[in-house]
Amino acid sequence: MSGGNFKIINSVLITGCSRGIGLRLVRELAHSNNRPATIIATARQPSTALQQLSKTHPGLHIVTLDVSSEQGISSASEEVQSIVGDTGLNCLINNAAIGFSTNISTVTPESMMTMFQVNAVAPLFITKAFMPLLQAAAARSSGMGIHRAAVINMSSVLGSITLNCGDGAKYKNYAYGTSKAALNMVTRCLAADLKSSGILCMSLHPGWVKTDMGGPNVSEHVHIRRVRQEQGRAYIDTRWC
């Protein structure tokens, strides 16, 4: 992310940071010369790697958050309020998610509901809890973008109804794909509701990357270079390695 200018924002919060994409985002931001002043990394059980990062990078705060717990979300929002103060929160990245394979033979009501709760319901209610902080940040600037206030929901191409045909339908994952389709609708509803407050809302497909969730069969790793903003839209630039 060395090419991205995150100095344009004061604070960013990322959920699901113990491993995978969340941990990599935190690491890249923490090492960037153009990092935001405040990086808030949340996790249900902060990993050793995340804790080590916080010890060597001032301004990196770890907040415990179980995204499936209403009380946990409420407590986390209060803790974040004490960190960011009156300046509010510029960027919320709802990254925390779960995923495991479910086809027509293996899918169960429990797997459907578990993934729906974590992958679609939780991002909505986390955003609701942090709305006052996002609105406080938005009130300090103008335009639309991460420089003001933004909610970025980590979705997946597997949630695309349009692409779930032909070759795109070969990979069956009932619970995960349905939960990400629901997340896309949550994002669209949020975008409509929060536009008047100056809060940008978007879904993002990070690609198939070699993480615990992505599995070992990915042929390439993705290296996140930067998040940039153009004409009110946020983009994540990547390179393959």
Protein backbone atom coordinates (compact mmCIF):
# COMPACT_ATOMS: atom_id res chain seq x y z
CA MET A 1 0.00 0.00 0.00
CA SER A 2 2.99 2.29 -0.21
CA GLY A 3 1.47 4.03 -3.22
CA GLY A 4 -1.81 4.87 -1.50
CA ASN A 5 -2.32 8.10 0.39
CA PHE A 6 -4.15 7.06 3.53
CA LYS A 7 -3.15 10.32 5.18
CA ILE A 8 -6.34 11.72 3.67
CA ILE A 9 -8.23 9.85 6.37
CA ASN A 10 -7.75 9.95 10.11
CA SER A 11 -9.08 6.53 11.08
CA VAL A 12 -9.92 3.11 9.69
CA LEU A 13 -11.49 0.11 11.42
CA ILE A 14 -11.22 -3.42 10.02
CA THR A 15 -13.06 -6.44 11.36
CA GLY A 16 -11.74 -10.00 11.31
CA CYS A 17 -8.04 -9.18 11.66
CA SER A 18 -6.54 -12.23 13.32
CA ARG A 19 -5.60 -13.81 9.99
CA GLY A 20 -6.13 -13.78 6.24
CA ILE A 21 -7.15 -10.65 4.37
CA GLY A 22 -7.88 -8.70 7.55
CA LEU A 23 -4.42 -9.28 9.02
CA ARG A 24 -2.77 -8.46 5.69
CA LEU A 25 -4.70 -5.21 5.38
CA VAL A 26 -3.64 -4.19 8.88
CA ARG A 27 -0.01 -5.11 8.22
CA GLU A 28 0.11 -3.19 4.93
CA LEU A 29 -1.49 -0.13 6.47
CA ALA A 30 0.76 -0.20 9.53
CA HIS A 31 3.90 -0.37 7.36
CA SER A 32 2.78 2.35 4.95
CA ASN A 33 4.44 5.77 4.97
CA ASN A 34 1.04 7.25 4.14
CA ARG A 35 -0.95 5.42 6.77
CA PRO A 36 -3.94 6.86 8.65
CA ALA A 37 -3.21 8.14 12.12
CA THR A 38 -5.48 5.57 13.74
CA ILE A 39 -5.84 1.93 12.69
CA ILE A 40 -8.34 -0.14 14.65
CA ALA A 41 -8.12 -3.90 14.18
CA THR A 42 -10.89 -6.03 15.63
CA ALA A 43 -10.94 -9.76 16.21
CA ARG A 44 -12.89 -12.24 18.30
CA GLN A 45 -9.61 -13.69 19.56
CA PRO A 46 -6.65 -11.47 18.56
CA SER A 47 -3.85 -13.62 17.16
CA THR A 48 -0.22 -13.47 18.21
CA ALA A 49 0.68 -11.93 14.85
CA LEU A 50 -1.83 -9.13 15.33
CA GLN A 51 -0.70 -8.45 18.88
CA GLN A 52 2.92 -8.25 17.77
CA LEU A 53 2.01 -5.68 15.13
CA SER A 54 0.30 -3.48 17.70
CA LYS A 55 3.40 -3.52 19.92
CA THR A 56 5.63 -2.11 17.20
CA HIS A 57 3.27 0.34 15.47
CA PRO A 58 1.92 3.30 17.46
CA GLY A 59 -1.63 4.21 16.56
CA LEU A 60 -2.63 0.60 15.92
CA HIS A 61 -5.35 -0.40 18.37
CA ILE A 62 -6.78 -3.88 18.91
CA VAL A 63 -10.43 -4.11 19.92
CA THR A 64 -12.02 -7.43 20.81
CA LEU A 65 -15.17 -8.00 18.78
CA ASP A 66 -17.34 -11.06 18.29
CA VAL A 67 -19.40 -9.98 15.28
CA SER A 68 -22.17 -12.47 16.19
CA SER A 69 -22.75 -10.86 19.58
CA GLU A 70 -25.00 -7.80 19.92
CA GLN A 71 -23.42 -7.01 23.27
CA GLY A 72 -19.97 -7.44 21.76
CA ILE A 73 -20.79 -4.99 18.96
CA SER A 74 -22.15 -2.46 21.45
CA SER A 75 -19.10 -2.74 23.71
CA ALA A 76 -16.74 -2.43 20.73
CA SER A 77 -18.47 0.73 19.50
CA GLU A 78 -18.04 2.32 22.92
CA GLU A 79 -14.36 1.42 22.97
CA VAL A 80 -13.83 2.80 19.47
CA GLN A 81 -15.60 6.02 20.51
CA SER A 82 -13.02 6.45 23.25
CA ILE A 83 -10.23 5.98 20.69
CA VAL A 84 -11.41 8.28 17.88
CA GLY A 85 -13.21 10.90 19.98
CA ASP A 86 -15.09 13.72 18.29
CA THR A 87 -13.32 13.23 14.95
CA GLY A 88 -15.37 10.10 14.32
CA LEU A 89 -14.55 7.12 12.12
CA ASN A 90 -13.64 7.65 8.47
CA CYS A 91 -13.61 4.11 7.12
CA LEU A 92 -15.27 0.91 8.31
CA ILE A 93 -14.20 -2.28 6.53
CA ASN A 94 -16.52 -5.19 7.30
CA ASN A 95 -14.11 -8.00 6.53
CA ALA A 96 -14.98 -10.66 9.15
CA ALA A 97 -16.61 -13.70 7.56
CA ILE A 98 -16.79 -17.46 7.65
CA GLY A 99 -16.95 -19.92 4.79
CA PHE A 100 -16.98 -23.66 4.19
CA SER A 101 -18.18 -25.76 1.28
CA THR A 102 -21.85 -26.75 1.14
CA ASN A 103 -23.40 -28.49 -1.85
CA ILE A 104 -26.91 -29.87 -2.33
CA SER A 105 -25.96 -33.01 -0.39
CA THR A 106 -24.21 -31.37 2.54
CA VAL A 107 -26.03 -28.07 3.08
CA THR A 108 -28.02 -27.86 6.33
CA PRO A 109 -30.30 -25.27 7.92
CA GLU A 110 -27.58 -24.69 10.51
CA SER A 111 -24.89 -23.94 7.92
CA MET A 112 -27.23 -21.56 6.07
CA MET A 113 -28.16 -19.63 9.20
CA THR A 114 -24.63 -19.52 10.61
CA MET A 115 -23.16 -18.02 7.46
CA PHE A 116 -26.09 -15.67 6.98
CA GLN A 117 -25.62 -14.37 10.54
CA VAL A 118 -21.88 -13.77 10.28
CA ASN A 119 -21.58 -12.74 6.63
CA ALA A 120 -24.72 -10.63 6.11
CA VAL A 121 -26.49 -9.78 9.36
CA ALA A 122 -23.38 -8.87 11.36
CA PRO A 123 -22.04 -6.28 8.86
CA LEU A 124 -25.43 -4.53 8.90
CA PHE A 125 -25.60 -4.28 12.67
CA ILE A 126 -21.94 -3.34 13.02
CA THR A 127 -22.57 -0.51 10.57
CA LYS A 128 -25.65 0.55 12.55
CA ALA A 129 -23.63 0.61 15.78
CA PHE A 130 -20.86 2.70 14.24
CA MET A 131 -23.17 5.06 12.34
CA PRO A 132 -22.81 7.93 14.85
CA LEU A 133 -19.02 7.79 14.47
CA LEU A 134 -19.24 7.63 10.67
CA GLN A 135 -21.67 10.55 10.67
CA ALA A 136 -19.36 12.55 12.93
CA ALA A 137 -16.49 12.06 10.48
CA ALA A 138 -18.69 12.85 7.46
CA ALA A 139 -19.79 16.13 9.05
CA ARG A 140 -16.20 17.37 9.02
CA SER A 141 -15.74 17.17 5.24
CA SER A 142 -17.55 17.15 1.90
CA GLY A 143 -17.82 14.96 -1.19
CA MET A 144 -18.11 11.17 -1.16
CA GLY A 145 -15.24 8.82 -0.42
CA ILE A 146 -12.96 7.35 2.20
CA HIS A 147 -11.52 10.83 2.86
CA ARG A 148 -14.91 11.63 4.42
CA ALA A 149 -16.69 8.47 5.56
CA ALA A 150 -17.11 5.05 3.98
CA VAL A 151 -18.38 1.55 4.66
CA ILE A 152 -16.62 -1.18 2.65
CA ASN A 153 -18.18 -4.64 2.82
CA MET A 154 -15.97 -7.53 1.75
CA SER A 155 -18.21 -9.57 -0.52
CA SER A 156 -17.45 -12.20 -3.17
CA VAL A 157 -18.13 -12.95 -6.80
CA LEU A 158 -19.73 -16.14 -5.45
CA GLY A 159 -22.62 -13.95 -4.33
CA SER A 160 -23.37 -12.90 -7.90
CA ILE A 161 -26.67 -14.25 -9.22
CA THR A 162 -25.82 -13.18 -12.77
CA LEU A 163 -22.53 -15.09 -12.82
CA ASN A 164 -23.96 -18.25 -11.25
CA CYS A 165 -24.55 -19.92 -14.61
CA GLY A 166 -22.51 -21.91 -17.12
CA ASP A 167 -18.92 -22.33 -15.96
CA GLY A 168 -19.64 -19.98 -13.08
CA ALA A 169 -22.10 -22.47 -11.62
CA LYS A 170 -19.57 -25.30 -11.38
CA TYR A 171 -18.50 -24.27 -7.89
CA LYS A 172 -21.45 -24.94 -5.61
CA ASN A 173 -21.60 -23.26 -2.24
CA TYR A 174 -25.16 -22.75 -1.14
CA ALA A 175 -24.60 -21.17 2.27
CA TYR A 176 -21.61 -18.95 1.45
CA GLY A 177 -22.89 -17.72 -1.91
CA THR A 178 -26.34 -16.95 -0.51
CA SER A 179 -24.88 -15.05 2.42
CA LYS A 180 -22.74 -12.91 0.11
CA ALA A 181 -25.69 -12.20 -2.18
CA ALA A 182 -27.55 -11.02 0.91
CA LEU A 183 -24.57 -8.86 1.90
CA ASN A 184 -24.68 -7.18 -1.51
CA MET A 185 -28.31 -6.23 -0.91
CA VAL A 186 -27.44 -4.97 2.58
CA THR A 187 -24.76 -2.79 0.99
CA ARG A 188 -27.16 -1.41 -1.59
CA CYS A 189 -29.74 -0.55 1.08
CA LEU A 190 -27.08 1.14 3.21
CA ALA A 191 -25.86 3.13 0.22
CA ALA A 192 -29.36 4.49 -0.32
CA ASP A 193 -29.95 5.26 3.36
CA LEU A 194 -26.57 6.81 4.17
CA LYS A 195 -26.06 8.87 1.01
CA SER A 196 -27.69 11.92 2.57
CA SER A 197 -25.18 11.73 5.44
CA GLY A 198 -22.27 11.73 3.01
CA ILE A 199 -21.27 8.13 3.76
CA LEU A 200 -20.07 6.03 0.83
CA CYS A 201 -21.14 2.36 0.94
CA MET A 202 -19.74 -0.31 -1.38
CA SER A 203 -19.19 -4.05 -1.73
CA LEU A 204 -15.78 -5.32 -2.75
CA HIS A 205 -14.68 -8.64 -4.28
CA PRO A 206 -11.09 -9.24 -3.09
CA GLY A 207 -10.47 -12.17 -5.41
CA TRP A 208 -9.59 -15.76 -4.62
CA VAL A 209 -6.57 -15.52 -2.36
CA LYS A 210 -4.49 -18.07 -0.50
CA THR A 211 -5.84 -17.81 3.04
CA ASP A 212 -7.25 -20.31 5.53
CA MET A 213 -10.69 -19.68 4.04
CA GLY A 214 -9.52 -19.52 0.42
CA GLY A 215 -7.68 -22.81 0.77
CA PRO A 216 -4.33 -24.08 -0.52
CA ASN A 217 -5.30 -24.50 -4.17
CA VAL A 218 -4.89 -20.87 -5.20
CA SER A 219 -2.04 -20.68 -7.71
CA GLU A 220 -1.06 -17.13 -6.79
CA HIS A 221 -0.92 -14.84 -3.80
CA VAL A 222 -2.39 -11.37 -3.97
CA HIS A 223 -0.39 -8.44 -2.66
CA ILE A 224 -2.51 -5.43 -1.78
CA ARG A 225 -0.61 -2.37 -2.94
CA ARG A 226 -2.94 0.44 -2.04
CA VAL A 227 -6.49 1.68 -1.76
CA ARG A 228 -7.07 4.72 -3.90
CA GLN A 229 -9.99 7.00 -4.49
CA GLU A 230 -11.14 8.44 -7.81
CA GLN A 231 -14.29 10.46 -8.40
CA GLY A 232 -15.88 9.39 -5.14
CA ARG A 233 -15.16 5.70 -5.61
CA ALA A 234 -12.72 3.50 -3.69
CA TYR A 235 -10.40 1.07 -5.46
CA ILE A 236 -8.00 -1.56 -4.12
CA ASP A 237 -4.94 -1.94 -6.35
CA THR A 238 -3.25 -5.34 -6.29
CA ARG A 239 -0.36 -7.16 -7.85
CA TRP A 240 0.15 -10.91 -8.16
CA CYS A 241 3.18 -12.60 -6.68
